[in-house]
């Protein structure tokens, strides 16, 4: 039974809080914050509201900080260079029209961050930003999120913290705001807006992590576990066009902890080795560029070694100097501080014992791959009028990372401000839409109160994660899948979607968890359709089809897109043509 006396006991007890704003941004992470700031710069008279599930000071992927900005146009680099590199890293697929505009705006938010207080390391001789790779610069980014959150407040934006967005408000096929509920007070929030921007990040937790061993590591993930695909799911349910979900992000991480390895391998030039001491990339992938091979090759290489009996694999720290090891641990304090404690607890001497690495569970994350909403390159609008997208939830631009997500915040805000300026009609809402969403959102809570039993969110989530892991190319299957396995996964995901009507929640936190698993199931369904449609292997490891092991440029050198038909409820999958702007061979590493 529901123990909290403050919780509503009936649908009539739910207080509905109505907000009106000009520009609503759902998600107050990196991209959302830059969108809010840019909107106020473009029109200081606009009322800008951010809706955030957590608290803006420490929310999103940057909550604990970062040790590098992975995309920055350094001196001597051009936009053309960036496009050629990015498309080679993405197996030839990216929206060049979008990527060019991101590149044009890439440096501005990074340099502004520094002006606002973000420490960025400089080269002692040139005073240029310190390099950490071809496109990376090194930062001390532990405080980067509080810095930008404070800037949002300085610009006078309204922030609704600890409110979970659940669905868009729509009117005549146009998005006019969003609905959600407070995770602390249980109130229903209705935010009416002239324009809405989704910036909720990607989707973690679709697959079972290899660390999910019953020892309390339920969400021991690399990607932010609170990014549950809500933005994708809201768009899917509203009929927005999505793109390239099948380009999953499956990275190599430090084993047993899921810490990033670029800090070591890119930052300090340590090679990946197998159990025989062989340098993996140089020995087996020299024809694809060795250490400069595409990201999906580098990410998958250790797993291939395991498959062929040459595991475990490591990043070889034994040649690092004592000073470099000390500095590397300092770098981790800016992004994954608990990893330093993990190493200390093991008593591991990195001069004698290298760091073991392994693959992680797949994620759908548009800042690394091209997964997300299909966008208009003129204004960053989605296929639904009134709705814009930026950051990890936006599709088409792989390898944009932190800097590119921030740049998209600027671009989406500019598009939304122009859209608002052209509007003439007032916001009118069908009240029955709000009542229907209220019934849907609070159903797990009242089901527990009235019936006292049902399926807990964690139980359903674990079932979903096992299905995805075992039949849709999870880490325990070395990211491999076939048509029959995907069909099996789809059949049982649909069964789980039907069983959502049995979900129960004992409190507001469980109610949030219930909607997170509902959103993940909607994303998982679309993902499986995408994986089935692309009958080739374009990104080994990210998308390995055992029944179609080769790349098929003749049929699939294109974008795979989808849309949920609002009338039939069916997922419709189709393709869109690649439009090349920058000259050069798209399908070979640059």
Protein backbone atom coordinates (compact mmCIF):
# COMPACT_ATOMS: atom_id res chain seq x y z
CA UNK A 1 0.00 0.00 0.00
CA UNK A 2 0.99 3.62 -0.43
CA UNK A 3 2.56 4.72 2.83
CA UNK A 4 3.07 8.43 2.07
CA UNK A 5 0.04 10.38 3.36
CA UNK A 6 0.86 13.25 0.99
CA UNK A 7 0.24 11.08 -2.05
CA UNK A 8 -3.09 11.46 -3.84
CA UNK A 9 -5.61 8.72 -3.09
CA UNK A 10 -7.95 9.41 -6.00
CA UNK A 11 -7.68 11.13 -9.38
CA UNK A 12 -9.63 14.08 -7.95
CA UNK A 13 -6.89 14.65 -5.34
CA UNK A 14 -4.26 15.50 -7.96
CA UNK A 15 -3.48 19.17 -8.11
CA UNK A 16 -2.95 20.42 -11.67
CA UNK A 17 -0.45 23.29 -11.99
CA UNK A 18 -0.71 25.23 -15.25
CA UNK A 19 2.20 27.30 -16.55
CA UNK A 20 2.25 29.46 -19.64
CA UNK A 21 5.49 30.36 -21.37
CA UNK A 22 6.82 31.45 -24.74
CA UNK A 23 9.60 28.87 -25.11
CA UNK A 24 9.60 25.56 -23.25
CA UNK A 25 12.81 23.51 -23.11
CA UNK A 26 12.44 19.95 -21.82
CA UNK A 27 15.74 18.90 -20.27
CA UNK A 28 18.19 21.28 -18.61
CA UNK A 29 21.44 19.57 -19.56
CA UNK A 30 24.18 21.07 -21.70
CA UNK A 31 22.14 21.54 -24.90
CA UNK A 32 19.00 22.70 -23.07
CA UNK A 33 20.90 25.31 -21.06
CA UNK A 34 22.56 26.77 -24.14
CA UNK A 35 19.18 26.85 -25.90
CA UNK A 36 17.69 28.82 -22.99
CA UNK A 37 20.56 31.30 -22.90
CA UNK A 38 20.51 31.84 -26.66
CA UNK A 39 16.74 32.38 -26.72
CA UNK A 40 17.02 35.12 -24.09
CA UNK A 41 19.90 36.71 -26.01
CA UNK A 42 17.85 36.74 -29.20
CA UNK A 43 14.77 38.14 -27.47
CA UNK A 44 15.16 39.20 -23.81
CA UNK A 45 11.40 39.74 -23.56
CA UNK A 46 10.61 36.07 -24.14
CA UNK A 47 9.57 33.96 -21.20
CA UNK A 48 11.84 30.90 -21.31
CA UNK A 49 11.06 27.88 -19.12
CA UNK A 50 13.17 24.76 -18.56
CA UNK A 51 11.52 21.54 -17.38
CA UNK A 52 14.07 19.31 -15.61
CA UNK A 53 13.60 15.84 -14.12
CA UNK A 54 16.50 16.33 -11.68
CA UNK A 55 18.03 19.65 -10.61
CA UNK A 56 19.66 21.93 -13.15
CA UNK A 57 22.86 22.36 -11.11
CA UNK A 58 23.87 18.70 -11.50
CA UNK A 59 21.71 17.15 -14.20
CA UNK A 60 22.35 15.46 -17.51
CA UNK A 61 25.46 13.78 -18.88
CA UNK A 62 27.70 16.52 -17.49
CA UNK A 63 26.47 16.13 -13.92
CA UNK A 64 29.85 14.94 -12.61
CA UNK A 65 31.89 16.90 -15.15
CA UNK A 66 34.18 16.05 -18.07
CA UNK A 67 37.92 15.94 -18.65
CA UNK A 68 37.81 16.93 -22.34
CA UNK A 69 35.77 18.58 -25.07
CA UNK A 70 35.87 16.03 -27.88
CA UNK A 71 35.01 18.32 -30.78
CA UNK A 72 36.60 21.72 -31.25
CA UNK A 73 37.86 23.28 -34.49
CA UNK A 74 41.50 23.90 -33.67
CA UNK A 75 43.82 26.29 -35.47
CA UNK A 76 44.48 24.98 -38.97
CA UNK A 77 41.37 22.76 -39.03
CA UNK A 78 38.46 23.52 -41.36
CA UNK A 79 34.79 22.68 -41.45
CA UNK A 80 35.49 20.48 -44.47
CA UNK A 81 38.10 18.59 -42.45
CA UNK A 82 35.56 18.01 -39.71
CA UNK A 83 32.87 16.71 -42.08
CA UNK A 84 35.28 14.31 -43.81
CA UNK A 85 36.51 12.97 -40.47
CA UNK A 86 33.04 12.64 -38.98
CA UNK A 87 31.52 10.76 -41.90
CA UNK A 88 34.48 8.37 -42.04
CA UNK A 89 33.97 7.65 -38.33
CA UNK A 90 30.26 7.01 -38.95
CA UNK A 91 30.54 4.51 -41.78
CA UNK A 92 29.70 7.20 -44.34
CA UNK A 93 26.38 8.27 -42.85
CA UNK A 94 25.69 11.73 -41.45
CA UNK A 95 23.50 14.67 -42.34
CA UNK A 96 26.07 16.92 -43.97
CA UNK A 97 23.68 19.87 -44.06
CA UNK A 98 23.23 19.68 -40.29
CA UNK A 99 26.86 18.85 -39.54
CA UNK A 100 28.16 21.89 -41.44
CA UNK A 101 26.00 24.24 -39.37
CA UNK A 102 27.05 22.51 -36.15
CA UNK A 103 30.70 22.92 -37.16
CA UNK A 104 30.14 26.61 -37.90
CA UNK A 105 28.91 27.07 -34.32
CA UNK A 106 31.16 24.53 -32.61
CA UNK A 107 33.68 26.82 -30.95
CA UNK A 108 31.42 29.58 -29.65
CA UNK A 109 29.84 27.76 -26.67
CA UNK A 110 33.20 26.26 -25.62
CA UNK A 111 34.88 29.66 -25.60
CA UNK A 112 31.92 31.19 -23.75
CA UNK A 113 32.16 28.45 -21.13
CA UNK A 114 35.76 29.47 -20.54
CA UNK A 115 34.71 33.13 -20.20
CA UNK A 116 32.17 32.05 -17.57
CA UNK A 117 34.79 30.22 -15.51
CA UNK A 118 35.47 26.79 -17.05
CA UNK A 119 39.20 25.96 -16.76
CA UNK A 120 40.59 24.87 -20.15
CA UNK A 121 44.20 23.76 -20.28
CA UNK A 122 46.55 25.78 -22.52
CA UNK A 123 49.76 24.88 -24.31
CA UNK A 124 52.58 26.66 -22.48
CA UNK A 125 54.33 27.75 -25.67
CA UNK A 126 51.45 28.79 -27.92
CA UNK A 127 48.68 29.60 -25.42
CA UNK A 128 46.38 27.58 -27.67
CA UNK A 129 44.04 25.06 -26.07
CA UNK A 130 45.92 21.88 -25.11
CA UNK A 131 45.30 18.98 -27.50
CA UNK A 132 44.10 15.55 -26.44
CA UNK A 133 43.62 14.10 -29.90
CA UNK A 134 42.73 15.24 -33.40
CA UNK A 135 39.63 17.15 -32.34
CA UNK A 136 39.81 17.05 -28.52
CA UNK A 137 40.90 19.73 -26.06
CA UNK A 138 41.66 19.10 -22.39
CA UNK A 139 39.58 20.76 -19.69
CA UNK A 140 39.13 20.65 -15.93
CA UNK A 141 35.40 20.25 -16.16
CA UNK A 142 34.15 19.14 -12.76
CA UNK A 143 32.18 22.38 -12.38
CA UNK A 144 31.02 22.84 -15.97
CA UNK A 145 27.35 22.07 -15.19
CA UNK A 146 27.02 24.43 -12.19
CA UNK A 147 28.68 27.16 -14.27
CA UNK A 148 26.16 26.95 -17.09
CA UNK A 149 23.22 26.50 -14.69
CA UNK A 150 24.14 29.74 -12.96
CA UNK A 151 24.30 31.47 -16.35
CA UNK A 152 20.76 30.27 -17.13
CA UNK A 153 19.54 31.91 -13.92
CA UNK A 154 21.45 35.12 -14.70
CA UNK A 155 19.54 35.41 -17.96
CA UNK A 156 16.25 35.22 -16.08
CA UNK A 157 15.00 31.85 -17.28
CA UNK A 158 12.37 29.98 -15.26
CA UNK A 159 13.43 26.50 -14.10
CA UNK A 160 10.96 23.82 -12.99
CA UNK A 161 13.20 21.32 -11.24
CA UNK A 162 12.21 17.74 -10.40
CA UNK A 163 9.35 17.55 -12.89
CA UNK A 164 9.18 14.50 -15.17
CA UNK A 165 7.90 15.22 -18.68
CA UNK A 166 5.55 12.48 -19.86
CA UNK A 167 3.98 13.64 -23.16
CA UNK A 168 3.60 16.63 -25.44
CA UNK A 169 0.57 18.88 -25.50
CA UNK A 170 -0.72 19.01 -29.07
CA UNK A 171 -3.28 21.06 -30.96
CA UNK A 172 -4.22 20.41 -34.58
CA UNK A 173 -1.02 18.50 -35.23
CA UNK A 174 1.20 21.09 -33.56
CA UNK A 175 3.13 20.79 -30.30
CA UNK A 176 2.01 23.49 -27.86
CA UNK A 177 3.80 22.44 -24.67
CA UNK A 178 4.14 19.38 -22.48
CA UNK A 179 2.71 17.57 -19.48
CA UNK A 180 4.41 15.85 -16.56
CA UNK A 181 4.42 15.34 -12.81
CA UNK A 182 6.46 16.46 -9.83
CA UNK A 183 8.62 13.72 -8.36
CA UNK A 184 8.61 15.41 -4.94
CA UNK A 185 5.09 16.84 -4.67
CA UNK A 186 3.01 14.57 -6.92
CA UNK A 187 1.38 17.50 -8.72
CA UNK A 188 0.57 17.33 -12.42
CA UNK A 189 2.26 20.03 -14.46
CA UNK A 190 0.82 21.41 -17.68
CA UNK A 191 3.12 23.83 -19.49
CA UNK A 192 1.59 25.65 -22.44
CA UNK A 193 4.19 27.04 -24.84
CA UNK A 194 4.38 28.81 -28.19
CA UNK A 195 7.41 26.68 -29.09
CA UNK A 196 8.90 23.60 -27.44
CA UNK A 197 12.43 22.21 -27.62
CA UNK A 198 13.23 18.65 -26.57
CA UNK A 199 16.69 18.25 -25.01
CA UNK A 200 16.32 15.22 -22.75
CA UNK A 201 19.37 13.28 -23.94
CA UNK A 202 19.62 9.72 -25.26
CA UNK A 203 18.50 6.33 -23.98
CA UNK A 204 20.41 4.22 -21.46
CA UNK A 205 19.16 1.10 -19.71
CA UNK A 206 17.57 -0.58 -22.74
CA UNK A 207 20.03 -3.45 -22.46
CA UNK A 208 21.32 -5.50 -19.55
CA UNK A 209 24.74 -4.24 -18.46
CA UNK A 210 27.42 -6.90 -18.05
CA UNK A 211 27.87 -5.64 -14.47
CA UNK A 212 24.22 -6.34 -13.60
CA UNK A 213 25.08 -9.29 -11.38
CA UNK A 214 22.65 -8.89 -8.49
CA UNK A 215 25.18 -7.10 -6.30
CA UNK A 216 23.49 -3.71 -6.35
CA UNK A 217 24.90 -2.63 -9.73
CA UNK A 218 21.50 -2.35 -11.41
CA UNK A 219 22.45 0.85 -13.23
CA UNK A 220 26.24 0.52 -13.36
CA UNK A 221 26.37 2.15 -16.79
CA UNK A 222 28.72 4.36 -18.74
CA UNK A 223 26.03 6.69 -20.12
CA UNK A 224 23.92 8.72 -17.70
CA UNK A 225 21.41 6.18 -16.25
CA UNK A 226 18.79 8.91 -15.80
CA UNK A 227 18.67 9.52 -19.57
CA UNK A 228 16.00 6.94 -20.26
CA UNK A 229 14.86 7.88 -23.77
CA UNK A 230 11.90 9.99 -22.59
CA UNK A 231 12.41 12.56 -25.34
CA UNK A 232 12.55 9.89 -28.03
CA UNK A 233 9.48 8.14 -26.61
CA UNK A 234 7.41 11.32 -26.44
CA UNK A 235 8.26 12.02 -30.07
CA UNK A 236 7.52 8.45 -31.14
CA UNK A 237 4.09 8.55 -29.50
CA UNK A 238 3.36 11.92 -31.13
CA UNK A 239 4.27 10.65 -34.61
CA UNK A 240 7.61 12.42 -35.10
CA UNK A 241 10.02 11.05 -37.68
CA UNK A 242 13.09 9.36 -36.21
CA UNK A 243 16.36 8.42 -37.85
CA UNK A 244 19.25 5.94 -37.58
CA UNK A 245 18.39 4.26 -34.27
CA UNK A 246 20.25 1.21 -35.55
CA UNK A 247 23.57 3.09 -35.27
CA UNK A 248 23.91 2.19 -31.59
CA UNK A 249 26.74 3.37 -29.36
CA UNK A 250 28.65 0.37 -28.00
CA UNK A 251 31.90 1.54 -26.48
CA UNK A 252 34.89 -0.09 -24.86
CA UNK A 253 35.18 0.87 -21.20
CA UNK A 254 37.25 -0.02 -18.16
CA UNK A 255 36.06 -3.40 -16.98
CA UNK A 256 33.99 -3.75 -13.78
CA UNK A 257 33.50 0.00 -13.58
CA UNK A 258 32.50 1.40 -17.02
CA UNK A 259 34.97 4.27 -16.90
CA UNK A 260 35.97 5.99 -20.17
CA UNK A 261 39.24 4.78 -21.73
CA UNK A 262 39.89 7.76 -24.03
CA UNK A 263 41.26 9.49 -20.95
CA UNK A 264 44.05 6.89 -21.00
CA UNK A 265 44.36 5.74 -24.61
CA UNK A 266 43.89 9.08 -26.40
CA UNK A 267 45.08 11.37 -23.63
CA UNK A 268 48.28 9.43 -22.89
CA UNK A 269 48.79 7.34 -26.02
CA UNK A 270 48.51 3.97 -24.30
CA UNK A 271 47.87 1.09 -26.75
CA UNK A 272 45.09 -1.48 -26.51
CA UNK A 273 46.60 -4.96 -26.10
CA UNK A 274 45.23 -8.49 -25.90
CA UNK A 275 46.16 -11.28 -23.50
CA UNK A 276 49.18 -12.14 -25.67
CA UNK A 277 50.51 -8.59 -25.39
CA UNK A 278 49.77 -7.80 -29.05
CA UNK A 279 48.77 -4.24 -29.97
CA UNK A 280 45.29 -4.90 -31.29
CA UNK A 281 44.71 -1.95 -33.62
CA UNK A 282 48.18 -1.98 -35.17
CA UNK A 283 48.20 -5.74 -35.69
CA UNK A 284 44.69 -6.38 -37.04
CA UNK A 285 43.35 -3.05 -38.26
CA UNK A 286 46.35 -1.41 -39.92
CA UNK A 287 44.48 -1.29 -43.25
CA UNK A 288 41.72 0.75 -41.57
CA UNK A 289 44.05 3.29 -40.00
CA UNK A 290 45.29 1.48 -36.89
CA UNK A 291 44.87 3.85 -33.96
CA UNK A 292 42.99 6.21 -36.31
CA UNK A 293 40.46 3.54 -37.37
CA UNK A 294 36.76 4.50 -37.21
CA UNK A 295 35.29 4.63 -33.72
CA UNK A 296 33.11 1.56 -34.19
CA UNK A 297 36.20 -0.45 -35.15
CA UNK A 298 38.17 0.75 -32.13
CA UNK A 299 35.21 0.17 -29.83
CA UNK A 300 34.62 -3.36 -31.10
CA UNK A 301 38.24 -4.52 -31.45
CA UNK A 302 38.66 -5.83 -27.85
CA UNK A 303 35.41 -7.81 -28.16
CA UNK A 304 36.65 -9.43 -31.37
CA UNK A 305 39.80 -10.47 -29.51
CA UNK A 306 37.65 -12.07 -26.81
CA UNK A 307 35.57 -13.87 -29.44
CA UNK A 308 38.69 -15.30 -31.05
CA UNK A 309 40.20 -16.47 -27.76
CA UNK A 310 42.74 -13.71 -27.20
CA UNK A 311 41.06 -12.02 -24.24
CA UNK A 312 41.18 -10.45 -21.75
CA UNK A 313 42.20 -7.10 -23.21
CA UNK A 314 43.80 -4.04 -21.64
CA UNK A 315 45.03 -0.52 -22.11
CA UNK A 316 48.73 -0.87 -21.44
CA UNK A 317 49.71 1.64 -18.75
CA UNK A 318 53.04 -0.03 -17.91
CA UNK A 319 55.12 2.39 -20.01
CA UNK A 320 53.50 5.50 -18.52
CA UNK A 321 55.66 7.67 -16.31
CA UNK A 322 54.78 8.18 -12.64
CA UNK A 323 53.89 11.79 -13.43
CA UNK A 324 51.57 10.77 -16.28
CA UNK A 325 49.81 8.22 -14.08
CA UNK A 326 49.28 10.87 -11.42
CA UNK A 327 47.99 13.33 -14.02
CA UNK A 328 45.71 10.69 -15.57
CA UNK A 329 44.09 10.07 -12.18
CA UNK A 330 43.66 13.82 -11.78
CA UNK A 331 41.90 13.91 -15.16
CA UNK A 332 39.49 11.22 -13.96
CA UNK A 333 38.60 13.42 -10.98
CA UNK A 334 37.04 15.81 -13.52
CA UNK A 335 34.75 13.19 -15.03
CA UNK A 336 34.64 9.88 -13.16
CA UNK A 337 36.07 10.63 -9.69
CA UNK A 338 34.89 7.35 -8.16
CA UNK A 339 37.10 5.48 -10.64
CA UNK A 340 40.17 6.76 -8.79
CA UNK A 341 38.74 5.23 -5.59
CA UNK A 342 38.05 2.01 -7.50
CA UNK A 343 41.71 1.74 -8.52
CA UNK A 344 42.84 2.58 -4.99
CA UNK A 345 40.55 -0.04 -3.49
CA UNK A 346 42.14 -2.64 -5.74
CA UNK A 347 45.63 -1.51 -4.79
CA UNK A 348 46.45 -1.69 -8.50
CA UNK A 349 49.96 -0.59 -9.52
CA UNK A 350 49.47 0.67 -13.08
CA UNK A 351 53.22 0.45 -13.71
CA UNK A 352 52.99 -3.31 -13.29
CA UNK A 353 49.41 -4.18 -14.16
CA UNK A 354 47.51 -2.67 -17.12
CA UNK A 355 43.84 -1.65 -16.94
CA UNK A 356 41.42 -4.28 -18.20
CA UNK A 357 38.80 -3.16 -20.74
CA UNK A 358 35.56 -4.62 -22.09
CA UNK A 359 32.49 -3.64 -24.09
CA UNK A 360 29.47 -2.06 -22.45
CA UNK A 361 25.74 -2.25 -23.02
CA UNK A 362 24.46 -0.43 -26.16
CA UNK A 363 22.97 3.07 -25.96
CA UNK A 364 20.94 5.22 -28.32
CA UNK A 365 22.70 8.57 -28.11
CA UNK A 366 22.68 11.15 -30.91
CA UNK A 367 25.71 13.05 -29.68
CA UNK A 368 27.92 10.06 -30.49
CA UNK A 369 25.95 8.45 -33.32
CA UNK A 370 23.27 9.79 -35.68
CA UNK A 371 20.26 8.49 -33.72
CA UNK A 372 17.34 10.77 -32.95
CA UNK A 373 14.74 13.14 -34.37
CA UNK A 374 14.90 13.88 -38.10
CA UNK A 375 15.52 17.63 -38.32
CA UNK A 376 15.09 20.54 -40.70
CA UNK A 377 18.55 22.05 -41.25
CA UNK A 378 17.09 25.54 -41.59
CA UNK A 379 15.91 25.83 -38.00
CA UNK A 380 16.43 22.52 -36.11
CA UNK A 381 12.70 21.84 -36.13
CA UNK A 382 11.35 18.29 -36.08
CA UNK A 383 8.66 16.96 -38.40
CA UNK A 384 5.97 18.14 -35.94
CA UNK A 385 5.30 21.90 -36.09
CA UNK A 386 6.19 23.75 -32.90
CA UNK A 387 8.75 21.15 -31.80
CA UNK A 388 12.52 21.59 -32.00
CA UNK A 389 15.31 19.28 -30.84
CA UNK A 390 18.95 19.57 -29.79
CA UNK A 391 21.72 17.56 -28.18
CA UNK A 392 21.78 13.79 -27.75
CA UNK A 393 18.09 13.48 -28.64
CA UNK A 394 18.65 15.12 -32.06
CA UNK A 395 19.63 12.88 -34.97
CA UNK A 396 21.84 13.21 -38.02
CA UNK A 397 25.12 14.51 -36.59
CA UNK A 398 27.39 11.83 -35.12
CA UNK A 399 30.58 12.80 -33.30
CA UNK A 400 29.24 16.15 -32.12
CA UNK A 401 29.77 15.34 -28.42
CA UNK A 402 29.67 18.11 -25.79
CA UNK A 403 30.64 21.02 -28.04
CA UNK A 404 28.30 19.99 -30.83
CA UNK A 405 25.35 19.43 -28.49
CA UNK A 406 25.89 22.93 -27.10
CA UNK A 407 26.05 24.31 -30.65
CA UNK A 408 22.75 22.60 -31.44
CA UNK A 409 21.23 24.34 -28.42
CA UNK A 410 22.09 27.66 -30.06
CA UNK A 411 20.70 26.55 -33.43
CA UNK A 412 17.44 25.18 -32.03
CA UNK A 413 16.86 28.33 -29.98
CA UNK A 414 17.35 30.57 -33.00
CA UNK A 415 14.85 28.49 -34.96
CA UNK A 416 12.31 28.55 -32.12
CA UNK A 417 12.60 32.32 -31.60
CA UNK A 418 11.89 32.91 -35.30
CA UNK A 419 8.95 30.50 -35.16
CA UNK A 420 7.48 32.30 -32.14
CA UNK A 421 7.80 35.68 -33.85
CA UNK A 422 5.57 34.48 -36.70
CA UNK A 423 2.76 33.13 -34.49
CA UNK A 424 -0.50 34.99 -34.29
CA UNK A 425 -2.90 32.63 -32.52
CA UNK A 426 -3.09 32.08 -28.77
CA UNK A 427 -2.42 28.72 -27.16
CA UNK A 428 -5.63 26.72 -26.85
CA UNK A 429 -5.64 23.30 -25.24
CA UNK A 430 -8.18 20.52 -25.37
CA UNK A 431 -8.83 19.83 -21.69
CA UNK A 432 -9.73 16.22 -22.43
CA UNK A 433 -6.10 15.68 -23.50
CA UNK A 434 -4.95 16.74 -20.05
CA UNK A 435 -7.49 14.49 -18.32
CA UNK A 436 -6.45 11.50 -20.43
CA UNK A 437 -2.78 12.07 -19.63
CA UNK A 438 -3.57 12.43 -15.94
CA UNK A 439 -5.30 9.03 -16.00
CA UNK A 440 -2.36 7.46 -17.84
CA UNK A 441 0.39 8.98 -15.72
CA UNK A 442 -1.02 8.18 -12.28
CA UNK A 443 -2.49 4.76 -13.15
CA UNK A 444 0.39 2.73 -11.59
CA UNK A 445 -0.03 4.63 -8.32
CA UNK A 446 -3.80 4.11 -8.08
CA UNK A 447 -3.45 0.51 -9.23
CA UNK A 448 -1.25 -0.13 -6.18
CA UNK A 449 -3.66 1.71 -3.88
CA UNK A 450 -6.76 -0.06 -5.18
CA UNK A 451 -5.44 -3.51 -6.01
CA UNK A 452 -2.32 -3.82 -3.88
CA UNK A 453 -0.40 -5.89 -6.41
CA UNK A 454 1.03 -5.87 -9.90
CA UNK A 455 4.37 -5.67 -11.71
CA UNK A 456 7.04 -3.45 -10.20
CA UNK A 457 9.00 -1.20 -12.62
CA UNK A 458 12.30 -2.87 -11.79
CA UNK A 459 10.86 -6.30 -12.61
CA UNK A 460 9.64 -5.18 -16.01
CA UNK A 461 12.86 -3.29 -16.73
CA UNK A 462 15.00 -6.34 -15.98
CA UNK A 463 12.85 -8.50 -18.27
CA UNK A 464 13.21 -5.90 -21.05
CA UNK A 465 16.98 -5.66 -20.54
CA UNK A 466 17.40 -9.44 -20.73
CA UNK A 467 15.34 -9.62 -23.93
CA UNK A 468 17.32 -6.85 -25.57
CA UNK A 469 20.64 -8.25 -24.43
CA UNK A 470 20.02 -11.82 -25.55
CA UNK A 471 18.08 -11.26 -28.78
CA UNK A 472 18.84 -7.70 -29.98
CA UNK A 473 22.63 -7.68 -29.91
CA UNK A 474 23.62 -6.96 -26.32
CA UNK A 475 27.09 -7.13 -24.80
CA UNK A 476 26.61 -10.71 -23.60
CA UNK A 477 26.06 -11.71 -27.25
CA UNK A 478 29.12 -9.70 -28.35
CA UNK A 479 26.70 -7.26 -30.03
CA UNK A 480 25.60 -9.86 -32.63
CA UNK A 481 22.05 -10.39 -33.91
CA UNK A 482 20.05 -12.08 -36.66
CA UNK A 483 16.59 -11.70 -38.20
CA UNK A 484 15.15 -14.53 -36.12
CA UNK A 485 16.58 -13.14 -32.88
CA UNK A 486 15.28 -9.66 -33.62
CA UNK A 487 11.82 -11.00 -34.47
CA UNK A 488 11.80 -12.84 -31.13
CA UNK A 489 12.86 -9.67 -29.29
CA UNK A 490 10.15 -7.62 -31.02
CA UNK A 491 7.43 -10.16 -30.21
CA UNK A 492 8.29 -10.12 -26.51
CA UNK A 493 8.82 -6.36 -26.28
CA UNK A 494 5.27 -6.00 -27.61
CA UNK A 495 4.10 -8.40 -24.90
CA UNK A 496 5.76 -6.20 -22.27
CA UNK A 497 4.16 -3.11 -23.79
CA UNK A 498 0.78 -4.79 -23.37
CA UNK A 499 1.65 -5.67 -19.75
CA UNK A 500 2.29 -2.01 -18.90
CA UNK A 501 -1.34 -2.01 -17.73
CA UNK A 502 -0.18 -4.11 -14.75
CA UNK A 503 2.60 -1.75 -13.62
CA UNK A 504 2.31 -0.55 -10.02
CA UNK A 505 4.07 2.18 -8.07
CA UNK A 506 4.27 2.45 -4.30
CA UNK A 507 5.47 6.06 -4.24
CA UNK A 508 6.39 8.93 -6.54
CA UNK A 509 9.89 7.62 -7.17
CA UNK A 510 8.47 4.30 -8.35
CA UNK A 511 5.96 6.19 -10.45
CA UNK A 512 8.88 7.91 -12.18
CA UNK A 513 10.55 4.50 -12.64
CA UNK A 514 7.33 3.12 -14.14
CA UNK A 515 7.27 5.83 -16.80
CA UNK A 516 10.97 5.38 -17.46
CA UNK A 517 10.41 1.72 -18.32
CA UNK A 518 7.35 2.61 -20.45
CA UNK A 519 9.50 5.08 -22.39
CA UNK A 520 12.34 2.58 -22.74
CA UNK A 521 9.95 -0.02 -24.16
CA UNK A 522 8.71 2.43 -26.80
CA UNK A 523 12.30 3.24 -27.77
CA UNK A 524 13.28 -0.45 -27.79
CA UNK A 525 10.45 -1.27 -30.19
CA UNK A 526 11.56 1.37 -32.70
CA UNK A 527 15.19 0.33 -32.30
CA UNK A 528 14.38 -3.29 -33.19
CA UNK A 529 12.48 -2.21 -36.30
CA UNK A 530 15.54 -0.22 -37.40
CA UNK A 531 17.93 -3.09 -36.70
CA UNK A 532 15.74 -5.45 -38.74
CA UNK A 533 15.37 -3.08 -41.67
CA UNK A 534 19.11 -2.53 -42.23
CA UNK A 535 20.03 -5.89 -43.72
CA UNK A 536 23.79 -5.37 -43.73
CA UNK A 537 26.62 -4.83 -41.25
CA UNK A 538 27.70 -1.21 -41.60
CA UNK A 539 29.13 -0.67 -38.12
CA UNK A 540 30.68 -3.91 -36.75
CA UNK A 541 30.00 -4.00 -33.04
CA UNK A 542 27.49 -1.21 -33.12
CA UNK A 543 25.28 -3.12 -35.58
CA UNK A 544 26.55 -6.62 -36.38
CA UNK A 545 24.12 -8.76 -38.39
CA UNK A 546 25.35 -12.36 -38.42
CA UNK A 547 22.98 -13.11 -41.32
CA UNK A 548 24.17 -10.08 -43.31
CA UNK A 549 27.86 -9.76 -42.36
CA UNK A 550 28.91 -7.43 -45.22
CA UNK A 551 28.27 -3.76 -45.89
CA UNK A 552 25.74 -3.26 -48.71
CA UNK A 553 26.22 0.22 -50.19
CA UNK A 554 23.95 -0.52 -53.14
CA UNK A 555 20.83 -0.85 -50.97
CA UNK A 556 21.70 0.77 -47.63
CA UNK A 557 23.94 3.74 -48.33
CA UNK A 558 21.05 5.82 -47.00
CA UNK A 559 19.25 6.79 -43.80
CA UNK A 560 16.79 4.38 -42.21
CA UNK A 561 13.93 6.39 -40.73
CA UNK A 562 10.69 5.55 -38.95
CA UNK A 563 7.43 7.05 -37.81
CA UNK A 564 4.63 5.69 -35.66
CA UNK A 565 1.39 6.09 -37.54
CA UNK A 566 -0.96 7.84 -35.08
CA UNK A 567 -4.02 6.28 -36.69
CA UNK A 568 -2.87 2.64 -36.81
CA UNK A 569 -0.24 2.64 -34.05
CA UNK A 570 2.12 0.80 -36.42
CA UNK A 571 5.82 1.65 -36.80
CA UNK A 572 6.46 2.54 -40.44
CA UNK A 573 10.09 2.21 -41.59
CA UNK A 574 11.47 3.82 -44.74
CA UNK A 575 14.66 5.36 -46.14
CA UNK A 576 15.89 8.84 -46.95
CA UNK A 577 18.59 9.65 -49.46
CA UNK A 578 22.09 10.75 -48.47
CA UNK A 579 22.84 14.25 -49.78
CA UNK A 580 26.57 14.91 -50.11
CA UNK A 581 27.81 18.49 -49.86
CA UNK A 582 31.51 18.20 -49.00
CA UNK A 583 33.47 16.40 -51.76
CA UNK A 584 35.48 13.26 -51.08
CA UNK A 585 35.11 9.51 -50.63
CA UNK A 586 32.51 9.10 -47.88
CA UNK A 587 33.08 5.45 -47.17
CA UNK A 588 36.80 5.41 -46.43
CA UNK A 589 38.53 6.62 -43.26
CA UNK A 590 39.91 10.15 -43.58
